[in-house]
C-alpha atoms as a PDB file:
ATOM      1  CA  MET A   1     -11.007  20.177 -16.166  1.00  0.00           C
ATOM      2  CA  ILE A   2      -7.356  19.027 -17.907  1.00  0.00           C
ATOM      3  CA  ALA A   3      -5.922  15.622 -17.780  1.00  0.00           C
ATOM      4  CA  PHE A   4      -2.456  15.317 -19.355  1.00  0.00           C
ATOM      5  CA  LEU A   5      -1.545  11.830 -21.010  1.00  0.00           C
ATOM      6  CA  PHE A   6       1.841  10.699 -21.225  1.00  0.00           C
ATOM      7  CA  PRO A   7       3.264   7.620 -24.114  1.00  0.00           C
ATOM      8  CA  GLY A   8       5.212   5.064 -23.213  1.00  0.00           C
ATOM      9  CA  GLN A   9       8.144   3.315 -25.541  1.00  0.00           C
ATOM     10  CA  GLY A  10       6.677   2.855 -29.363  1.00  0.00           C
ATOM     11  CA  SER A  11       6.346   6.887 -29.435  1.00  0.00           C
ATOM     12  CA  GLN A  12       9.762   7.369 -29.987  1.00  0.00           C
ATOM     13  CA  ALA A  13      11.261   9.021 -32.990  1.00  0.00           C
ATOM     14  CA  ILE A  14      14.282  10.837 -33.924  1.00  0.00           C
ATOM     15  CA  GLY A  15      13.869  14.557 -33.693  1.00  0.00           C
ATOM     16  CA  MET A  16      11.807  14.213 -30.938  1.00  0.00           C
ATOM     17  CA  ALA A  17      11.622  17.538 -28.348  1.00  0.00           C
ATOM     18  CA  ARG A  18      14.236  19.071 -30.268  1.00  0.00           C
ATOM     19  CA  ALA A  19      12.378  21.515 -31.279  1.00  0.00           C
ATOM     20  CA  PHE A  20      11.268  22.232 -27.846  1.00  0.00           C
ATOM     21  CA  TYR A  21      14.910  22.320 -26.976  1.00  0.00           C
ATOM     22  CA  GLU A  22      15.278  25.187 -29.415  1.00  0.00           C
ATOM     23  CA  ASN A  23      12.764  27.127 -28.509  1.00  0.00           C
ATOM     24  CA  SER A  24      11.668  26.691 -24.962  1.00  0.00           C
ATOM     25  CA  PRO A  25      14.396  27.620 -21.536  1.00  0.00           C
ATOM     26  CA  ALA A  26      12.933  24.834 -19.546  1.00  0.00           C
ATOM     27  CA  ALA A  27      12.335  22.298 -21.638  1.00  0.00           C
ATOM     28  CA  ARG A  28      16.128  22.998 -22.426  1.00  0.00           C
ATOM     29  CA  ARG A  29      16.870  22.491 -18.908  1.00  0.00           C
ATOM     30  CA  VAL A  30      14.900  19.279 -18.648  1.00  0.00           C
ATOM     31  CA  VAL A  31      17.136  17.768 -21.527  1.00  0.00           C
ATOM     32  CA  ASP A  32      20.462  18.727 -20.355  1.00  0.00           C
ATOM     33  CA  GLU A  33      19.667  17.361 -17.229  1.00  0.00           C
ATOM     34  CA  ALA A  34      19.304  14.470 -18.420  1.00  0.00           C
ATOM     35  CA  ASN A  35      22.515  14.118 -20.462  1.00  0.00           C
ATOM     36  CA  ASP A  36      24.705  14.860 -17.029  1.00  0.00           C
ATOM     37  CA  VAL A  37      22.359  12.373 -15.167  1.00  0.00           C
ATOM     38  CA  LEU A  38      22.816   9.517 -17.280  1.00  0.00           C
ATOM     39  CA  GLY A  39      26.878  10.280 -18.465  1.00  0.00           C
ATOM     40  CA  PHE A  40      26.378   9.942 -22.079  1.00  0.00           C
ATOM     41  CA  ASP A  41      24.781  11.742 -25.019  1.00  0.00           C
ATOM     42  CA  LEU A  42      20.856  11.150 -24.948  1.00  0.00           C
ATOM     43  CA  ARG A  43      19.968  14.375 -26.695  1.00  0.00           C
ATOM     44  CA  ARG A  44      22.033  13.811 -29.350  1.00  0.00           C
ATOM     45  CA  LEU A  45      20.480   9.879 -29.574  1.00  0.00           C
ATOM     46  CA  MET A  46      17.012  11.600 -29.357  1.00  0.00           C
ATOM     47  CA  PHE A  47      17.956  14.462 -31.743  1.00  0.00           C
ATOM     48  CA  GLU A  48      19.741  12.464 -34.701  1.00  0.00           C
ATOM     49  CA  GLY A  49      19.773   8.960 -33.585  1.00  0.00           C
ATOM     50  CA  PRO A  50      20.747   6.122 -35.302  1.00  0.00           C
ATOM     51  CA  GLU A  51      17.473   4.359 -34.840  1.00  0.00           C
ATOM     52  CA  ALA A  52      19.359   1.263 -34.073  1.00  0.00           C
ATOM     53  CA  GLU A  53      20.238   2.755 -30.950  1.00  0.00           C
ATOM     54  CA  LEU A  54      17.167   4.802 -30.167  1.00  0.00           C
ATOM     55  CA  VAL A  55      14.641   2.245 -30.008  1.00  0.00           C
ATOM     56  CA  LEU A  56      17.103  -0.459 -27.833  1.00  0.00           C
ATOM     57  CA  THR A  57      14.985  -0.132 -24.381  1.00  0.00           C
ATOM     58  CA  ALA A  58      17.605   0.743 -22.278  1.00  0.00           C
ATOM     59  CA  ASN A  59      17.675   4.088 -24.692  1.00  0.00           C
ATOM     60  CA  THR A  60      13.974   4.248 -26.012  1.00  0.00           C
ATOM     61  CA  GLN A  61      12.856   4.448 -21.754  1.00  0.00           C
ATOM     62  CA  PRO A  62      14.983   7.539 -20.992  1.00  0.00           C
ATOM     63  CA  ALA A  63      14.371   9.141 -24.415  1.00  0.00           C
ATOM     64  CA  VAL A  64      10.565   8.947 -24.198  1.00  0.00           C
ATOM     65  CA  LEU A  65      10.392   9.993 -20.321  1.00  0.00           C
ATOM     66  CA  THR A  66      13.102  13.289 -21.082  1.00  0.00           C
ATOM     67  CA  ALA A  67      10.781  14.261 -24.191  1.00  0.00           C
ATOM     68  CA  SER A  68       7.579  13.999 -22.522  1.00  0.00           C
ATOM     69  CA  VAL A  69       8.789  15.850 -19.332  1.00  0.00           C
ATOM     70  CA  ALA A  70      10.512  18.562 -21.802  1.00  0.00           C
ATOM     71  CA  ALA A  71       7.249  18.764 -23.574  1.00  0.00           C
ATOM     72  CA  ALA A  72       5.314  19.148 -20.249  1.00  0.00           C
ATOM     73  CA  ALA A  73       7.525  21.979 -18.957  1.00  0.00           C
ATOM     74  CA  ALA A  74       7.025  24.163 -22.280  1.00  0.00           C
ATOM     75  CA  CYS A  75       3.571  23.967 -21.505  1.00  0.00           C
ATOM     76  CA  ALA A  76       4.153  24.886 -17.624  1.00  0.00           C
ATOM     77  CA  GLU A  77       5.748  27.842 -19.179  1.00  0.00           C
ATOM     78  CA  ARG A  78       2.932  28.794 -21.095  1.00  0.00           C
ATOM     79  CA  GLY A  79       0.502  28.398 -17.977  1.00  0.00           C
ATOM     80  CA  LEU A  80      -0.713  25.455 -19.854  1.00  0.00           C
ATOM     81  CA  ARG A  81      -1.043  22.553 -16.590  1.00  0.00           C
ATOM     82  CA  PRO A  82      -3.007  19.581 -15.713  1.00  0.00           C
ATOM     83  CA  GLY A  83      -5.722  18.762 -12.958  1.00  0.00           C
ATOM     84  CA  LEU A  84      -5.176  15.455 -13.631  1.00  0.00           C
ATOM     85  CA  ALA A  85      -3.233  12.637 -15.565  1.00  0.00           C
ATOM     86  CA  ALA A  86      -2.125   9.300 -16.691  1.00  0.00           C
ATOM     87  CA  GLY A  87       0.849   7.383 -18.228  1.00  0.00           C
ATOM     88  CA  HIS A  88       1.267   4.784 -20.594  1.00  0.00           C
ATOM     89  CA  SER A  89       3.263   2.003 -19.297  1.00  0.00           C
ATOM     90  CA  LEU A  90       6.708   4.123 -19.031  1.00  0.00           C
ATOM     91  CA  GLY A  91       4.373   7.068 -18.937  1.00  0.00           C
ATOM     92  CA  GLU A  92       3.354   6.589 -15.650  1.00  0.00           C
ATOM     93  CA  TYR A  93       7.059   7.922 -14.633  1.00  0.00           C
ATOM     94  CA  SER A  94       6.357  11.096 -16.666  1.00  0.00           C
ATOM     95  CA  ALA A  95       3.237  11.873 -15.412  1.00  0.00           C
ATOM     96  CA  PHE A  96       4.766  10.909 -11.230  1.00  0.00           C
ATOM     97  CA  VAL A  97       7.676  13.450 -12.481  1.00  0.00           C
ATOM     98  CA  VAL A  98       4.828  16.073 -13.461  1.00  0.00           C
ATOM     99  CA  ALA A  99       2.634  15.774 -10.650  1.00  0.00           C
ATOM    100  CA  GLY A 100       5.669  16.454  -8.435  1.00  0.00           C
ATOM    101  CA  ALA A 101       5.771  12.845  -6.696  1.00  0.00           C
ATOM    102  CA  LEU A 102       9.454  11.729  -8.675  1.00  0.00           C
ATOM    103  CA  ALA A 103      12.576  13.980  -9.302  1.00  0.00           C
ATOM    104  CA  PHE A 104      13.525  14.270 -12.823  1.00  0.00           C
ATOM    105  CA  PRO A 105      16.676  12.717 -12.262  1.00  0.00           C
ATOM    106  CA  ASP A 106      15.751  10.397 -10.163  1.00  0.00           C
ATOM    107  CA  ALA A 107      13.366   8.690 -12.807  1.00  0.00           C
ATOM    108  CA  VAL A 108      15.249   9.409 -15.142  1.00  0.00           C
ATOM    109  CA  ARG A 109      17.957   7.017 -13.897  1.00  0.00           C
ATOM    110  CA  THR A 110      15.297   4.728 -12.847  1.00  0.00           C
ATOM    111  CA  VAL A 111      14.004   4.205 -16.065  1.00  0.00           C
ATOM    112  CA  ARG A 112      17.002   3.626 -17.915  1.00  0.00           C
ATOM    113  CA  LYS A 113      17.884   0.393 -15.510  1.00  0.00           C
ATOM    114  CA  ARG A 114      14.104  -0.449 -15.889  1.00  0.00           C
ATOM    115  CA  GLY A 115      14.399  -0.524 -19.733  1.00  0.00           C
ATOM    116  CA  GLU A 116      17.926  -2.611 -18.796  1.00  0.00           C
ATOM    117  CA  PHE A 117      15.928  -5.071 -16.695  1.00  0.00           C
ATOM    118  CA  MET A 118      12.745  -5.869 -18.428  1.00  0.00           C
ATOM    119  CA  GLN A 119      15.194  -6.629 -21.746  1.00  0.00           C
ATOM    120  CA  GLU A 120      17.150  -9.008 -19.668  1.00  0.00           C
ATOM    121  CA  ALA A 121      14.379 -10.881 -18.275  1.00  0.00           C
ATOM    122  CA  VAL A 122      13.647 -12.899 -21.182  1.00  0.00           C
ATOM    123  CA  PRO A 123      16.705 -14.106 -23.969  1.00  0.00           C
ATOM    124  CA  ILE A 124      16.240 -11.624 -27.096  1.00  0.00           C
ATOM    125  CA  GLY A 125      13.980 -14.077 -30.008  1.00  0.00           C
ATOM    126  CA  THR A 126      11.815 -16.019 -26.886  1.00  0.00           C
ATOM    127  CA  GLY A 127       9.909 -13.110 -26.542  1.00  0.00           C
ATOM    128  CA  ALA A 128       6.557 -11.363 -28.551  1.00  0.00           C
ATOM    129  CA  MET A 129       4.207  -8.932 -28.095  1.00  0.00           C
ATOM    130  CA  ALA A 130       1.219  -8.920 -30.774  1.00  0.00           C
ATOM    131  CA  ALA A 131      -2.358  -5.945 -31.091  1.00  0.00           C
ATOM    132  CA  LEU A 132      -5.058  -8.188 -31.604  1.00  0.00           C
ATOM    133  CA  MET A 133      -8.182  -5.826 -33.318  1.00  0.00           C
ATOM    134  CA  GLY A 134     -11.872  -6.323 -32.668  1.00  0.00           C
ATOM    135  CA  MET A 135     -11.847  -9.190 -29.872  1.00  0.00           C
ATOM    136  CA  GLU A 136     -12.899  -8.714 -26.824  1.00  0.00           C
ATOM    137  CA  LEU A 137     -11.571  -8.579 -23.644  1.00  0.00           C
ATOM    138  CA  ASP A 138     -12.781 -12.153 -21.961  1.00  0.00           C
ATOM    139  CA  LYS A 139     -12.599 -14.191 -25.396  1.00  0.00           C
ATOM    140  CA  VAL A 140      -8.624 -12.495 -25.923  1.00  0.00           C
ATOM    141  CA  ASP A 141      -8.115 -14.550 -22.505  1.00  0.00           C
ATOM    142  CA  GLU A 142      -9.877 -17.673 -23.515  1.00  0.00           C
ATOM    143  CA  VAL A 143      -7.540 -17.570 -26.629  1.00  0.00           C
ATOM    144  CA  CYS A 144      -4.602 -17.159 -23.992  1.00  0.00           C
ATOM    145  CA  ARG A 145      -5.357 -19.505 -21.930  1.00  0.00           C
ATOM    146  CA  GLU A 146      -6.011 -22.496 -24.642  1.00  0.00           C
ATOM    147  CA  ALA A 147      -2.672 -21.262 -26.708  1.00  0.00           C
ATOM    148  CA  ALA A 148      -0.416 -21.442 -23.718  1.00  0.00           C
ATOM    149  CA  ASP A 149       0.726 -25.012 -23.976  1.00  0.00           C
ATOM    150  CA  GLY A 150       2.790 -25.065 -21.011  1.00  0.00           C
ATOM    151  CA  GLU A 151       4.447 -21.950 -21.932  1.00  0.00           C
ATOM    152  CA  VAL A 152       3.034 -17.795 -21.374  1.00  0.00           C
ATOM    153  CA  VAL A 153       0.825 -15.709 -23.482  1.00  0.00           C
ATOM    154  CA  GLU A 154      -0.820 -13.492 -21.665  1.00  0.00           C
ATOM    155  CA  VAL A 155      -2.980  -9.790 -22.214  1.00  0.00           C
ATOM    156  CA  ALA A 156      -0.574  -6.806 -21.739  1.00  0.00           C
ATOM    157  CA  ASN A 157      -2.485  -4.224 -22.564  1.00  0.00           C
ATOM    158  CA  VAL A 158      -5.746  -3.117 -22.631  1.00  0.00           C
ATOM    159  CA  ASN A 159      -5.710  -0.132 -24.858  1.00  0.00           C
ATOM    160  CA  SER A 160      -9.419   0.508 -26.278  1.00  0.00           C
ATOM    161  CA  GLU A 161     -12.435  -1.318 -26.823  1.00  0.00           C
ATOM    162  CA  GLY A 162     -11.239  -3.544 -29.522  1.00  0.00           C
ATOM    163  CA  GLN A 163      -7.733  -3.060 -29.397  1.00  0.00           C
ATOM    164  CA  ILE A 164      -5.616  -5.396 -26.766  1.00  0.00           C
ATOM    165  CA  VAL A 165      -1.972  -6.683 -26.933  1.00  0.00           C
ATOM    166  CA  ILE A 166      -1.231  -9.770 -25.939  1.00  0.00           C
ATOM    167  CA  ALA A 167       2.677 -10.775 -25.002  1.00  0.00           C
ATOM    168  CA  GLY A 168       4.818 -13.811 -23.809  1.00  0.00           C
ATOM    169  CA  HIS A 169       6.599 -17.009 -25.221  1.00  0.00           C
ATOM    170  CA  ARG A 170       6.833 -16.003 -29.437  1.00  0.00           C
ATOM    171  CA  ALA A 171       5.393 -19.366 -30.287  1.00  0.00           C
ATOM    172  CA  ALA A 172       2.595 -18.965 -27.555  1.00  0.00           C
ATOM    173  CA  VAL A 173       1.620 -15.618 -28.709  1.00  0.00           C
ATOM    174  CA  GLU A 174       1.733 -16.837 -32.626  1.00  0.00           C
ATOM    175  CA  ARG A 175      -0.688 -19.907 -31.442  1.00  0.00           C
ATOM    176  CA  ALA A 176      -3.001 -17.296 -29.877  1.00  0.00           C
ATOM    177  CA  LEU A 177      -2.697 -15.197 -33.014  1.00  0.00           C
ATOM    178  CA  ALA A 178      -3.430 -18.201 -34.999  1.00  0.00           C
ATOM    179  CA  LEU A 179      -6.766 -18.947 -32.978  1.00  0.00           C
ATOM    180  CA  ALA A 180      -7.842 -15.693 -32.611  1.00  0.00           C
ATOM    181  CA  THR A 181      -7.920 -15.193 -36.967  1.00  0.00           C
ATOM    182  CA  GLY A 182     -10.321 -18.228 -36.371  1.00  0.00           C
ATOM    183  CA  ARG A 183     -12.907 -17.109 -33.973  1.00  0.00           C
ATOM    184  CA  GLY A 184     -13.592 -13.631 -35.224  1.00  0.00           C
ATOM    185  CA  GLY A 185     -10.362 -11.295 -35.009  1.00  0.00           C
ATOM    186  CA  ARG A 186     -10.721  -8.542 -36.933  1.00  0.00           C
ATOM    187  CA  LYS A 187      -6.583  -7.957 -37.855  1.00  0.00           C
ATOM    188  CA  SER A 188      -3.459  -8.901 -35.735  1.00  0.00           C
ATOM    189  CA  VAL A 189      -0.538  -7.018 -35.699  1.00  0.00           C
ATOM    190  CA  MET A 190       3.155  -8.653 -34.219  1.00  0.00           C
ATOM    191  CA  LEU A 191       4.600  -5.189 -32.660  1.00  0.00           C
ATOM    192  CA  PRO A 192       8.191  -4.566 -32.724  1.00  0.00           C
ATOM    193  CA  VAL A 193       9.211  -5.552 -29.504  1.00  0.00           C
ATOM    194  CA  SER A 194      11.765  -8.568 -28.351  1.00  0.00           C
ATOM    195  CA  ALA A 195      10.219  -8.441 -24.681  1.00  0.00           C
ATOM    196  CA  PRO A 196       7.010  -9.383 -23.471  1.00  0.00           C
ATOM    197  CA  PHE A 197       6.032  -6.627 -21.478  1.00  0.00           C
ATOM    198  CA  HIS A 198       3.513  -6.615 -18.610  1.00  0.00           C
ATOM    199  CA  THR A 199       3.585 -10.445 -18.537  1.00  0.00           C
ATOM    200  CA  SER A 200       4.344 -12.750 -15.870  1.00  0.00           C
ATOM    201  CA  LEU A 201       7.716 -12.734 -17.620  1.00  0.00           C
ATOM    202  CA  MET A 202       8.667 -10.063 -15.719  1.00  0.00           C
ATOM    203  CA  THR A 203       8.703 -10.677 -12.789  1.00  0.00           C
ATOM    204  CA  GLY A 204      12.236 -11.421 -12.737  1.00  0.00           C
ATOM    205  CA  ALA A 205      12.324  -7.584 -13.949  1.00  0.00           C
ATOM    206  CA  ALA A 206      10.008  -6.206 -11.433  1.00  0.00           C
ATOM    207  CA  ASP A 207      12.198  -7.973  -8.472  1.00  0.00           C
ATOM    208  CA  ARG A 208      15.144  -6.592  -9.783  1.00  0.00           C
ATOM    209  CA  LEU A 209      13.925  -2.624 -10.179  1.00  0.00           C
ATOM    210  CA  ALA A 210      12.367  -2.696  -6.400  1.00  0.00           C
ATOM    211  CA  ARG A 211      15.832  -2.737  -5.488  1.00  0.00           C
ATOM    212  CA  GLU A 212      16.777   0.628  -7.355  1.00  0.00           C
ATOM    213  CA  LEU A 213      13.298   1.951  -6.077  1.00  0.00           C
ATOM    214  CA  GLU A 214      14.438   1.594  -2.281  1.00  0.00           C
ATOM    215  CA  SER A 215      16.148   4.524  -1.951  1.00  0.00           C
ATOM    216  CA  VAL A 216      14.186   6.512  -4.679  1.00  0.00           C
ATOM    217  CA  PRO A 217      12.531   9.442  -2.518  1.00  0.00           C
ATOM    218  CA  VAL A 218       8.851   9.650  -3.460  1.00  0.00           C
ATOM    219  CA  LEU A 219       6.393  12.854  -2.447  1.00  0.00           C
ATOM    220  CA  ASP A 220       2.720  13.422  -2.395  1.00  0.00           C
ATOM    221  CA  PRO A 221       1.299  14.024  -6.071  1.00  0.00           C
ATOM    222  CA  ALA A 222       0.209  17.568  -6.946  1.00  0.00           C
ATOM    223  CA  ILE A 223      -2.776  15.658  -8.989  1.00  0.00           C
ATOM    224  CA  PRO A 224      -4.536  12.582  -8.605  1.00  0.00           C
ATOM    225  CA  ILE A 225      -2.438   9.366 -11.018  1.00  0.00           C
ATOM    226  CA  ALA A 226      -4.577   7.037 -12.538  1.00  0.00           C
ATOM    227  CA  ARG A 227      -2.218   3.796 -12.140  1.00  0.00           C
ATOM    228  CA  ASN A 228      -1.722   1.500 -15.293  1.00  0.00           C
ATOM    229  CA  VAL A 229      -2.675  -1.411 -13.156  1.00  0.00           C
ATOM    230  CA  ASP A 230      -6.084  -0.771 -12.246  1.00  0.00           C
ATOM    231  CA  GLY A 231      -7.058   2.735 -13.225  1.00  0.00           C
ATOM    232  CA  GLU A 232      -7.652   3.615  -9.257  1.00  0.00           C
ATOM    233  CA  PHE A 233      -5.841   7.110  -8.437  1.00  0.00           C
ATOM    234  CA  VAL A 234      -2.628   7.998  -6.628  1.00  0.00           C
ATOM    235  CA  ARG A 235      -2.855  10.854  -4.455  1.00  0.00           C
ATOM    236  CA  ARG A 236      -0.340   9.777  -1.795  1.00  0.00           C
ATOM    237  CA  ALA A 237       3.491   8.705  -1.547  1.00  0.00           C
ATOM    238  CA  ALA A 238       3.020   5.696   0.206  1.00  0.00           C
ATOM    239  CA  ASP A 239       0.776   4.555  -3.448  1.00  0.00           C
ATOM    240  CA  VAL A 240       3.867   5.637  -5.754  1.00  0.00           C
ATOM    241  CA  THR A 241       6.617   2.799  -5.211  1.00  0.00           C
ATOM    242  CA  PRO A 242       3.959   0.106  -5.525  1.00  0.00           C
ATOM    243  CA  SER A 243       2.643   1.141  -8.627  1.00  0.00           C
ATOM    244  CA  LEU A 244       5.561   1.406 -10.468  1.00  0.00           C
ATOM    245  CA  LEU A 245       6.167  -1.735  -9.636  1.00  0.00           C
ATOM    246  CA  ARG A 246       2.855  -3.615 -10.048  1.00  0.00           C
ATOM    247  CA  GLN A 247       2.753  -2.384 -13.396  1.00  0.00           C
ATOM    248  CA  VAL A 248       5.825  -4.078 -15.010  1.00  0.00           C
ATOM    249  CA  ALA A 249       4.215  -7.584 -14.951  1.00  0.00           C
ATOM    250  CA  SER A 250       0.968  -6.770 -14.818  1.00  0.00           C
ATOM    251  CA  PRO A 251      -1.532  -5.871 -18.073  1.00  0.00           C
ATOM    252  CA  VAL A 252      -1.680  -1.953 -18.368  1.00  0.00           C
ATOM    253  CA  ARG A 253      -5.435  -1.369 -18.069  1.00  0.00           C
ATOM    254  CA  TRP A 254      -5.151   2.117 -20.332  1.00  0.00           C
ATOM    255  CA  THR A 255      -9.614   2.251 -20.822  1.00  0.00           C
ATOM    256  CA  ALA A 256     -10.075   2.008 -17.003  1.00  0.00           C
ATOM    257  CA  CYS A 257      -7.012   4.711 -16.783  1.00  0.00           C
ATOM    258  CA  VAL A 258      -9.109   7.028 -18.844  1.00  0.00           C
ATOM    259  CA  GLU A 259     -12.106   6.069 -17.981  1.00  0.00           C
ATOM    260  CA  ARG A 260     -11.439   7.310 -14.566  1.00  0.00           C
ATOM    261  CA  LEU A 261     -10.197  10.253 -15.786  1.00  0.00           C
ATOM    262  CA  ALA A 262     -13.447  11.105 -17.794  1.00  0.00           C
ATOM    263  CA  HIS A 263     -15.508   9.878 -14.200  1.00  0.00           C
ATOM    264  CA  GLU A 264     -13.663  12.757 -12.439  1.00  0.00           C
ATOM    265  CA  GLY A 265     -14.392  15.223 -14.154  1.00  0.00           C
ATOM    266  CA  ALA A 266     -11.964  15.663 -17.458  1.00  0.00           C
ATOM    267  CA  THR A 267     -13.333  16.962 -20.486  1.00  0.00           C
ATOM    268  CA  THR A 268      -9.821  17.710 -22.385  1.00  0.00           C
ATOM    269  CA  PHE A 269      -7.235  15.316 -22.314  1.00  0.00           C
ATOM    270  CA  VAL A 270      -3.996  15.968 -23.946  1.00  0.00           C
ATOM    271  CA  GLU A 271      -1.450  13.535 -24.560  1.00  0.00           C
ATOM    272  CA  VAL A 272       2.351  15.235 -24.128  1.00  0.00           C
ATOM    273  CA  GLY A 273       5.311  14.201 -25.453  1.00  0.00           C
ATOM    274  CA  PRO A 274       6.446  12.368 -28.994  1.00  0.00           C
ATOM    275  CA  GLY A 275       3.541  10.627 -30.847  1.00  0.00           C
ATOM    276  CA  ARG A 276       0.004  10.521 -31.245  1.00  0.00           C
ATOM    277  CA  VAL A 277      -0.873   7.060 -30.194  1.00  0.00           C
ATOM    278  CA  LEU A 278      -3.194   7.754 -26.883  1.00  0.00           C
ATOM    279  CA  THR A 279      -4.866  10.778 -28.883  1.00  0.00           C
ATOM    280  CA  GLY A 280      -6.045   8.141 -31.567  1.00  0.00           C
ATOM    281  CA  LEU A 281      -7.280   5.572 -28.558  1.00  0.00           C
ATOM    282  CA  LEU A 282      -9.297   8.458 -26.725  1.00  0.00           C
ATOM    283  CA  ARG A 283     -11.880   8.445 -29.581  1.00  0.00           C
ATOM    284  CA  ARG A 284     -13.201   4.637 -28.997  1.00  0.00           C
ATOM    285  CA  ILE A 285     -12.681   4.917 -25.122  1.00  0.00           C
ATOM    286  CA  VAL A 286     -14.633   8.078 -24.057  1.00  0.00           C
ATOM    287  CA  ASP A 287     -17.424   9.863 -26.688  1.00  0.00           C
ATOM    288  CA  GLY A 288     -17.383  13.185 -27.704  1.00  0.00           C
ATOM    289  CA  ALA A 289     -13.850  13.591 -25.713  1.00  0.00           C
ATOM    290  CA  ARG A 290     -11.581  16.088 -26.579  1.00  0.00           C
ATOM    291  CA  GLY A 291      -8.145  15.186 -27.898  1.00  0.00           C
ATOM    292  CA  HIS A 292      -5.170  17.119 -28.558  1.00  0.00           C
ATOM    293  CA  SER A 293      -1.375  15.618 -28.932  1.00  0.00           C
ATOM    294  CA  ILE A 294       1.655  18.219 -27.958  1.00  0.00           C
ATOM    295  CA  GLU A 295       4.933  17.091 -29.503  1.00  0.00           C
ATOM    296  CA  ASP A 296       6.602  20.511 -30.608  1.00  0.00           C
ATOM    297  CA  PRO A 297       5.629  24.380 -30.357  1.00  0.00           C
ATOM    298  CA  LEU A 298       3.820  24.105 -33.219  1.00  0.00           C
ATOM    299  CA  THR A 299       1.500  21.595 -31.746  1.00  0.00           C
ATOM    300  CA  LEU A 300       1.472  23.656 -28.612  1.00  0.00           C
ATOM    301  CA  ASP A 301       0.134  27.296 -30.005  1.00  0.00           C
ATOM    302  CA  LYS A 302      -2.712  24.992 -31.573  1.00  0.00           C
ATOM    303  CA  THR A 303      -3.883  23.515 -28.441  1.00  0.00           C
ATOM    304  CA  LEU A 304      -3.326  26.719 -26.611  1.00  0.00           C
ATOM    305  CA  SER A 305      -5.380  28.267 -29.368  1.00  0.00           C
ATOM    306  CA  ALA A 306      -8.127  25.828 -29.251  1.00  0.00           C
ATOM    307  CA  LEU A 307      -8.501  25.797 -25.686  1.00  0.00           C
ATOM    308  CA  ALA A 308      -8.759  29.431 -25.669  1.00  0.00           C
ATOM    309  CA  VAL A 309     -11.813  29.744 -28.211  1.00  0.00           C
ATOM    310  CA  ALA A 310     -13.093  26.316 -26.179  1.00  0.00           C
ATOM    311  CA  ARG A 311     -13.508  28.405 -23.211  1.00  0.00           C
END
């Protein structure tokens, strides 16, 4: 069975989806629709930049969503569709769109607001995120508790065994990194973001997002979606909005998502959208899993050829 994986913020790049736009009528419709819905030239920003504007959270989130849904539309034109799916953080919206649970116009409007709310939840410069390598989850939790000292620093993403992202107040994150280095952490990297996503500091953003999602219609997903908060499947419309709200201020348990997909029969994983981050993580989560990434027509052709040979 084929599972689609959809990337989140951080996978954006100038030029994303441009080749699909020029070669796939279905992808072109998705990008043009995003422009119409948002009322500004997202297409130009995706294709040409400038990067300083593209990396703004309120722009990045609709851009990555649009690029991912456009890529999935191009896949569908060629007969490539998933039996299961999951999306990393923002990518969960892409998964629900492709599964038919959310209409794309509603999703792109919502993630534009989501980006604004998440950025505004904490003053710029006071929050930070960092990736820790080579430490187990319980050790990272322990380091965060000790480093907090009245501030917030928490696990934000469990990306794979040995790669865990922490986030919170900048000073607390820096204290946690210092502690981790002294306790066997192999490597740590501050991430180029200014907001501590997926922590309790995002509770205000989740509250504001709840008001936006009240008016967004949802349907039962056509395929099961492994949700970020615990890896369990969303199969009913009633569970879509709660899943999207919970993930804003909760850790992304990506390892659990991918393990659930594999447990339910996924043998081939296809990252659909910009970048190849999730394909790289896959190898650390599921032994022997076949992973492919599709971000342009060339990689779509390569993936279809590989799948045909595998069959």
